[in-house]
């Protein structure tokens, strides 16, 4: 089942925040933390993909921080797959 939301921002390279307060964590995507080498670049890439856009997402689980672990799509682009292909696995 797919859900729809508007991305208002990204905290890092492997998650996003929606306008309704939902916090998503991309399933099977592992970007460096912001303070680590490559963390800011990963965040900027993620921002370019999802910020200020309508997305569709699945609910796979919840992580220990309460975020929804999800597969995210912008149009026909599977964001998780794209980021993994960029090396964020």
C-alpha atoms as a PDB file:
ATOM      1  CA  UNK A   1       0.000   0.000   0.000  1.00  0.00           C
ATOM      2  CA  UNK A   2       1.294   3.444  -0.903  1.00  0.00           C
ATOM      3  CA  UNK A   3       0.922   6.649   1.079  1.00  0.00           C
ATOM      4  CA  UNK A   4       1.458  10.160  -0.209  1.00  0.00           C
ATOM      5  CA  UNK A   5       3.110  13.144   1.415  1.00  0.00           C
ATOM      6  CA  UNK A   6       4.886  16.423   0.741  1.00  0.00           C
ATOM      7  CA  UNK A   7       8.559  16.528   1.699  1.00  0.00           C
ATOM      8  CA  UNK A   8       9.429  19.693   3.594  1.00  0.00           C
ATOM      9  CA  UNK A   9      13.050  18.808   4.261  1.00  0.00           C
ATOM     10  CA  UNK A  10      15.738  16.240   4.804  1.00  0.00           C
ATOM     11  CA  UNK A  11      17.741  15.764   8.008  1.00  0.00           C
ATOM     12  CA  UNK A  12      20.495  13.727   6.320  1.00  0.00           C
ATOM     13  CA  UNK A  13      21.207  11.490   3.338  1.00  0.00           C
ATOM     14  CA  UNK A  14      18.817   8.660   4.134  1.00  0.00           C
ATOM     15  CA  UNK A  15      15.582  10.155   5.385  1.00  0.00           C
ATOM     16  CA  UNK A  16      13.028  12.919   4.942  1.00  0.00           C
ATOM     17  CA  UNK A  17      10.368  14.861   6.845  1.00  0.00           C
ATOM     18  CA  UNK A  18       6.838  15.315   5.554  1.00  0.00           C
ATOM     19  CA  UNK A  19       4.483  18.263   6.005  1.00  0.00           C
ATOM     20  CA  UNK A  20       2.183  16.220   8.274  1.00  0.00           C
ATOM     21  CA  UNK A  21       5.024  15.564  10.738  1.00  0.00           C
ATOM     22  CA  UNK A  22       5.861  12.077   9.464  1.00  0.00           C
ATOM     23  CA  UNK A  23       9.553  11.200   9.589  1.00  0.00           C
ATOM     24  CA  UNK A  24      10.784   8.646   7.073  1.00  0.00           C
ATOM     25  CA  UNK A  25      13.949   6.555   7.092  1.00  0.00           C
ATOM     26  CA  UNK A  26      14.778   4.957   3.743  1.00  0.00           C
ATOM     27  CA  UNK A  27      14.911   1.171   3.885  1.00  0.00           C
ATOM     28  CA  UNK A  28      18.335  -0.350   3.039  1.00  0.00           C
ATOM     29  CA  UNK A  29      19.982   3.037   2.471  1.00  0.00           C
ATOM     30  CA  UNK A  30      22.956   3.919   4.666  1.00  0.00           C
ATOM     31  CA  UNK A  31      24.413   7.388   4.129  1.00  0.00           C
ATOM     32  CA  UNK A  32      27.178   8.787   6.353  1.00  0.00           C
ATOM     33  CA  UNK A  33      26.170  10.885   9.360  1.00  0.00           C
ATOM     34  CA  UNK A  34      26.372  14.637   8.721  1.00  0.00           C
ATOM     35  CA  UNK A  35      29.552  15.048  10.794  1.00  0.00           C
ATOM     36  CA  UNK A  36      31.299  12.266   8.839  1.00  0.00           C
ATOM     37  CA  UNK A  37      33.138  12.527   5.541  1.00  0.00           C
ATOM     38  CA  UNK A  38      30.555  12.579   2.735  1.00  0.00           C
ATOM     39  CA  UNK A  39      27.606  13.230   5.049  1.00  0.00           C
ATOM     40  CA  UNK A  40      26.861  16.724   3.756  1.00  0.00           C
ATOM     41  CA  UNK A  41      27.174  15.559   0.142  1.00  0.00           C
ATOM     42  CA  UNK A  42      24.699  12.728   0.820  1.00  0.00           C
ATOM     43  CA  UNK A  43      22.255  15.197   2.384  1.00  0.00           C
ATOM     44  CA  UNK A  44      22.541  17.543  -0.583  1.00  0.00           C
ATOM     45  CA  UNK A  45      21.895  14.681  -3.011  1.00  0.00           C
ATOM     46  CA  UNK A  46      18.835  13.626  -1.012  1.00  0.00           C
ATOM     47  CA  UNK A  47      17.563  17.236  -0.921  1.00  0.00           C
ATOM     48  CA  UNK A  48      17.774  17.427  -4.692  1.00  0.00           C
ATOM     49  CA  UNK A  49      15.741  14.255  -5.027  1.00  0.00           C
ATOM     50  CA  UNK A  50      12.886  14.836  -2.569  1.00  0.00           C
ATOM     51  CA  UNK A  51      12.794  18.319  -0.992  1.00  0.00           C
ATOM     52  CA  UNK A  52       9.690  20.363  -1.810  1.00  0.00           C
ATOM     53  CA  UNK A  53       8.206  17.463  -3.770  1.00  0.00           C
ATOM     54  CA  UNK A  54       5.242  15.152  -3.444  1.00  0.00           C
ATOM     55  CA  UNK A  55       6.394  11.622  -2.715  1.00  0.00           C
ATOM     56  CA  UNK A  56       4.820   8.215  -2.396  1.00  0.00           C
ATOM     57  CA  UNK A  57       6.048   5.827   0.265  1.00  0.00           C
ATOM     58  CA  UNK A  58       5.473   2.419   1.781  1.00  0.00           C
ATOM     59  CA  UNK A  59       5.485   1.520   5.450  1.00  0.00           C
ATOM     60  CA  UNK A  60       7.838  -1.390   6.095  1.00  0.00           C
ATOM     61  CA  UNK A  61       8.523  -0.972   9.830  1.00  0.00           C
ATOM     62  CA  UNK A  62       9.418   1.562  12.516  1.00  0.00           C
ATOM     63  CA  UNK A  63      12.953   2.110  13.697  1.00  0.00           C
ATOM     64  CA  UNK A  64      14.097   2.587  17.295  1.00  0.00           C
ATOM     65  CA  UNK A  65      13.578   6.364  16.940  1.00  0.00           C
ATOM     66  CA  UNK A  66       9.958   5.978  15.819  1.00  0.00           C
ATOM     67  CA  UNK A  67      10.603   6.865  12.188  1.00  0.00           C
ATOM     68  CA  UNK A  68       8.802   4.961   9.463  1.00  0.00           C
ATOM     69  CA  UNK A  69      11.179   2.717   7.529  1.00  0.00           C
ATOM     70  CA  UNK A  70      10.026   3.057   3.947  1.00  0.00           C
ATOM     71  CA  UNK A  71      10.540   2.799   0.230  1.00  0.00           C
ATOM     72  CA  UNK A  72      10.174   6.252  -1.307  1.00  0.00           C
ATOM     73  CA  UNK A  73       9.216   7.229  -4.839  1.00  0.00           C
ATOM     74  CA  UNK A  74       9.201  10.571  -6.648  1.00  0.00           C
ATOM     75  CA  UNK A  75       7.147   9.989  -9.761  1.00  0.00           C
ATOM     76  CA  UNK A  76       8.522   6.758 -11.186  1.00  0.00           C
ATOM     77  CA  UNK A  77      11.950   7.123  -9.542  1.00  0.00           C
ATOM     78  CA  UNK A  78      12.589   4.751  -6.636  1.00  0.00           C
ATOM     79  CA  UNK A  79      14.680   6.977  -4.360  1.00  0.00           C
ATOM     80  CA  UNK A  80      16.051   4.080  -2.272  1.00  0.00           C
ATOM     81  CA  UNK A  81      17.373   2.299  -5.356  1.00  0.00           C
ATOM     82  CA  UNK A  82      18.867   5.481  -6.770  1.00  0.00           C
ATOM     83  CA  UNK A  83      20.754   6.252  -3.549  1.00  0.00           C
ATOM     84  CA  UNK A  84      21.998   2.660  -3.237  1.00  0.00           C
ATOM     85  CA  UNK A  85      23.338   2.877  -6.790  1.00  0.00           C
ATOM     86  CA  UNK A  86      25.215   6.009  -5.720  1.00  0.00           C
ATOM     87  CA  UNK A  87      26.978   3.886  -3.103  1.00  0.00           C
ATOM     88  CA  UNK A  88      24.793   4.514  -0.051  1.00  0.00           C
ATOM     89  CA  UNK A  89      24.138   0.867   0.932  1.00  0.00           C
END
